[in-house]
């Protein structure tokens, strides 16, 4: 399963890590992307505990209140990477 994830990261231009809920492997995937010079976006709901590992290597950090707030913020980030 991890091998498939790493292959997908290789094919991608960016890694978006939504870390509001802890998940095994996200830190590894983010580290792999960063080591391969891929931008890593750290997304987290303001009301959840932070993931310091992913935050430390992220090129962008987005803290949001709800889905609409996240959507509004992403509109501002996307043109920077297009």
N, C-alpha and C. Protein backbone atom coordinates (compact mmCIF):
# COMPACT_ATOMS: atom_id res chain seq x y z
N UNK A 1 0.82 -1.20 0.00
CA UNK A 1 0.00 0.00 0.00
C UNK A 1 0.86 1.26 0.00
N UNK A 2 1.91 1.28 0.84
CA UNK A 2 2.78 2.45 0.88
C UNK A 2 3.51 2.64 -0.44
N UNK A 3 3.90 1.54 -1.08
CA UNK A 3 4.60 1.63 -2.36
C UNK A 3 3.72 2.33 -3.40
N UNK A 4 2.43 2.03 -3.39
CA UNK A 4 1.50 2.68 -4.31
C UNK A 4 1.41 4.17 -4.00
N UNK A 5 1.34 4.52 -2.73
CA UNK A 5 1.27 5.93 -2.34
C UNK A 5 2.51 6.68 -2.80
N UNK A 6 3.68 6.09 -2.63
CA UNK A 6 4.93 6.76 -3.05
C UNK A 6 4.99 6.91 -4.56
N UNK A 7 4.50 5.92 -5.29
CA UNK A 7 4.45 6.04 -6.76
C UNK A 7 3.52 7.18 -7.18
N UNK A 8 2.41 7.32 -6.48
CA UNK A 8 1.48 8.41 -6.79
C UNK A 8 2.11 9.77 -6.48
N UNK A 9 2.86 9.85 -5.40
CA UNK A 9 3.55 11.09 -5.06
C UNK A 9 4.56 11.43 -6.15
N UNK A 10 5.28 10.43 -6.65
CA UNK A 10 6.24 10.66 -7.74
C UNK A 10 5.56 11.26 -8.96
N UNK A 11 4.34 10.86 -9.22
CA UNK A 11 3.59 11.35 -10.38
C UNK A 11 2.93 12.70 -10.16
N UNK A 12 2.92 13.17 -8.92
CA UNK A 12 2.20 14.39 -8.55
C UNK A 12 3.10 15.61 -8.56
N UNK A 13 2.47 16.77 -8.65
CA UNK A 13 3.19 18.04 -8.57
C UNK A 13 3.23 18.57 -7.15
N UNK A 14 2.33 18.11 -6.29
CA UNK A 14 2.17 18.65 -4.95
C UNK A 14 1.56 17.57 -4.04
N UNK A 15 1.84 17.66 -2.76
CA UNK A 15 1.19 16.77 -1.78
C UNK A 15 0.35 17.64 -0.85
N UNK A 16 -0.91 17.33 -0.75
CA UNK A 16 -1.80 18.03 0.17
C UNK A 16 -2.09 17.08 1.32
N UNK A 17 -1.65 17.45 2.52
CA UNK A 17 -1.83 16.60 3.70
C UNK A 17 -2.86 17.24 4.62
N UNK A 18 -4.03 16.63 4.70
CA UNK A 18 -5.07 17.08 5.63
C UNK A 18 -4.85 16.29 6.91
N UNK A 19 -4.43 16.98 7.95
CA UNK A 19 -3.96 16.30 9.16
C UNK A 19 -4.83 16.56 10.39
N UNK A 20 -6.07 16.94 10.19
CA UNK A 20 -6.95 17.18 11.34
C UNK A 20 -7.10 15.93 12.18
N UNK A 21 -7.16 14.78 11.53
CA UNK A 21 -7.28 13.50 12.22
C UNK A 21 -5.98 12.74 12.00
N UNK A 22 -5.39 12.25 13.07
CA UNK A 22 -4.12 11.53 12.97
C UNK A 22 -4.28 10.30 12.07
N UNK A 23 -3.28 10.07 11.23
CA UNK A 23 -3.28 8.93 10.33
C UNK A 23 -1.86 8.41 10.18
N UNK A 24 -1.72 7.13 10.27
CA UNK A 24 -0.40 6.50 10.13
C UNK A 24 0.07 6.66 8.69
N UNK A 25 1.29 7.10 8.52
CA UNK A 25 1.89 7.18 7.19
C UNK A 25 1.89 8.56 6.57
N UNK A 26 1.07 9.47 7.05
CA UNK A 26 1.01 10.80 6.44
C UNK A 26 2.34 11.53 6.59
N UNK A 27 2.97 11.42 7.75
CA UNK A 27 4.27 12.06 7.95
C UNK A 27 5.32 11.49 7.01
N UNK A 28 5.30 10.19 6.82
CA UNK A 28 6.24 9.55 5.90
C UNK A 28 6.00 10.03 4.47
N UNK A 29 4.74 10.08 4.07
CA UNK A 29 4.41 10.55 2.72
C UNK A 29 4.82 12.00 2.52
N UNK A 30 4.57 12.84 3.51
CA UNK A 30 4.95 14.25 3.41
C UNK A 30 6.47 14.40 3.36
N UNK A 31 7.18 13.62 4.17
CA UNK A 31 8.64 13.67 4.14
C UNK A 31 9.19 13.21 2.81
N UNK A 32 8.60 12.17 2.24
CA UNK A 32 9.02 11.67 0.93
C UNK A 32 8.81 12.75 -0.14
N UNK A 33 7.64 13.38 -0.10
CA UNK A 33 7.35 14.44 -1.08
C UNK A 33 8.35 15.59 -0.93
N UNK A 34 8.59 16.03 0.29
CA UNK A 34 9.53 17.14 0.52
C UNK A 34 10.94 16.77 0.07
N UNK A 35 11.35 15.53 0.34
CA UNK A 35 12.69 15.08 -0.07
C UNK A 35 12.83 15.03 -1.58
N UNK A 36 11.70 14.93 -2.26
CA UNK A 36 11.70 14.91 -3.73
C UNK A 36 11.28 16.26 -4.31
N UNK A 37 11.47 17.31 -3.51
CA UNK A 37 11.23 18.70 -3.94
C UNK A 37 9.80 18.97 -4.40
N UNK A 38 8.85 18.29 -3.77
CA UNK A 38 7.43 18.53 -4.05
C UNK A 38 6.90 19.45 -2.96
N UNK A 39 6.14 20.47 -3.31
CA UNK A 39 5.51 21.29 -2.27
C UNK A 39 4.58 20.44 -1.41
N UNK A 40 4.58 20.71 -0.12
CA UNK A 40 3.69 20.01 0.82
C UNK A 40 2.78 21.06 1.45
N UNK A 41 1.49 20.88 1.27
CA UNK A 41 0.51 21.76 1.90
C UNK A 41 -0.04 21.05 3.12
N UNK A 42 0.00 21.75 4.23
CA UNK A 42 -0.48 21.26 5.53
C UNK A 42 -1.83 21.89 5.77
N UNK A 43 -2.88 21.08 5.80
CA UNK A 43 -4.23 21.56 6.07
C UNK A 43 -4.70 21.00 7.39
N UNK A 44 -5.23 21.87 8.25
CA UNK A 44 -5.74 21.39 9.54
C UNK A 44 -6.86 22.27 10.04
N UNK A 45 -7.91 21.63 10.51
CA UNK A 45 -9.00 22.34 11.16
C UNK A 45 -8.45 22.97 12.43
N UNK A 46 -8.76 24.23 12.65
CA UNK A 46 -8.24 24.97 13.81
C UNK A 46 -8.59 24.33 15.15
N UNK A 47 -9.61 23.51 15.17
CA UNK A 47 -10.09 22.94 16.42
C UNK A 47 -9.48 21.58 16.75
N UNK A 48 -8.53 21.12 15.94
CA UNK A 48 -7.89 19.82 16.16
C UNK A 48 -6.43 20.00 16.55
N UNK A 49 -5.86 19.00 17.18
CA UNK A 49 -4.47 19.04 17.62
C UNK A 49 -3.53 19.03 16.41
N UNK A 50 -2.44 19.78 16.49
CA UNK A 50 -1.52 19.86 15.35
C UNK A 50 -0.65 18.62 15.18
N UNK A 51 -0.19 18.43 13.96
CA UNK A 51 0.82 17.43 13.64
C UNK A 51 2.12 18.20 13.41
N UNK A 52 2.99 18.20 14.38
CA UNK A 52 4.21 19.00 14.26
C UNK A 52 5.17 18.46 13.22
N UNK A 53 5.16 17.16 12.99
CA UNK A 53 6.05 16.58 11.98
C UNK A 53 5.75 17.14 10.61
N UNK A 54 4.50 17.06 10.20
CA UNK A 54 4.12 17.53 8.87
C UNK A 54 4.21 19.05 8.80
N UNK A 55 3.81 19.73 9.83
CA UNK A 55 3.88 21.19 9.83
C UNK A 55 5.31 21.68 9.63
N UNK A 56 6.26 20.97 10.22
CA UNK A 56 7.65 21.39 10.12
C UNK A 56 8.24 21.32 8.73
N UNK A 57 7.70 20.47 7.87
CA UNK A 57 8.26 20.36 6.51
C UNK A 57 7.35 20.97 5.45
N UNK A 58 6.22 21.49 5.87
CA UNK A 58 5.25 22.03 4.91
C UNK A 58 5.73 23.33 4.28
N UNK A 59 5.43 23.47 3.00
CA UNK A 59 5.74 24.71 2.29
C UNK A 59 4.61 25.72 2.46
N UNK A 60 3.42 25.23 2.73
CA UNK A 60 2.24 26.08 3.00
C UNK A 60 1.47 25.47 4.16
N UNK A 61 0.89 26.33 4.99
CA UNK A 61 0.06 25.88 6.10
C UNK A 61 -1.28 26.60 6.04
N UNK A 62 -2.33 25.82 6.05
CA UNK A 62 -3.68 26.38 5.99
C UNK A 62 -4.46 25.87 7.20
N UNK A 63 -4.93 26.80 8.01
CA UNK A 63 -5.74 26.48 9.18
C UNK A 63 -7.15 27.00 8.90
N UNK A 64 -8.12 26.13 8.99
CA UNK A 64 -9.48 26.51 8.60
C UNK A 64 -10.49 26.18 9.69
N UNK A 65 -11.64 26.85 9.64
CA UNK A 65 -12.72 26.65 10.61
C UNK A 65 -13.72 25.60 10.14
N UNK A 66 -14.04 25.64 8.84
CA UNK A 66 -15.04 24.74 8.27
C UNK A 66 -14.74 24.58 6.78
N UNK A 67 -15.56 23.79 6.10
CA UNK A 67 -15.30 23.51 4.68
C UNK A 67 -15.32 24.77 3.82
N UNK A 68 -16.22 25.69 4.11
CA UNK A 68 -16.28 26.92 3.32
C UNK A 68 -15.03 27.76 3.51
N UNK A 69 -14.56 27.86 4.75
CA UNK A 69 -13.33 28.59 5.04
C UNK A 69 -12.15 27.95 4.30
N UNK A 70 -12.07 26.62 4.31
CA UNK A 70 -11.00 25.92 3.60
C UNK A 70 -11.08 26.21 2.10
N UNK A 71 -12.25 26.11 1.54
CA UNK A 71 -12.43 26.39 0.12
C UNK A 71 -12.00 27.81 -0.24
N UNK A 72 -12.40 28.77 0.58
CA UNK A 72 -12.04 30.17 0.34
C UNK A 72 -10.52 30.35 0.38
N UNK A 73 -9.86 29.70 1.30
CA UNK A 73 -8.41 29.85 1.42
C UNK A 73 -7.68 29.16 0.27
N UNK A 74 -8.16 28.00 -0.14
CA UNK A 74 -7.50 27.29 -1.24
C UNK A 74 -7.54 28.07 -2.54
N UNK A 75 -8.59 28.82 -2.75
CA UNK A 75 -8.69 29.64 -3.97
C UNK A 75 -7.49 30.59 -4.06
N UNK A 76 -7.01 31.08 -2.92
CA UNK A 76 -5.87 31.99 -2.91
C UNK A 76 -4.53 31.27 -3.11
N UNK A 77 -4.43 30.02 -2.73
CA UNK A 77 -3.17 29.29 -2.84
C UNK A 77 -2.96 28.67 -4.21
N UNK A 78 -4.01 28.19 -4.82
CA UNK A 78 -3.87 27.43 -6.07
C UNK A 78 -3.14 28.20 -7.17
N UNK A 79 -3.45 29.48 -7.42
CA UNK A 79 -2.74 30.19 -8.50
C UNK A 79 -1.21 30.25 -8.29
N UNK A 80 -0.75 30.19 -7.06
CA UNK A 80 0.70 30.24 -6.81
C UNK A 80 1.41 28.99 -7.33
N UNK A 81 0.68 27.90 -7.53
CA UNK A 81 1.28 26.63 -7.93
C UNK A 81 0.81 26.15 -9.29
N UNK A 82 0.07 26.95 -9.99
CA UNK A 82 -0.47 26.53 -11.28
C UNK A 82 0.50 26.86 -12.38
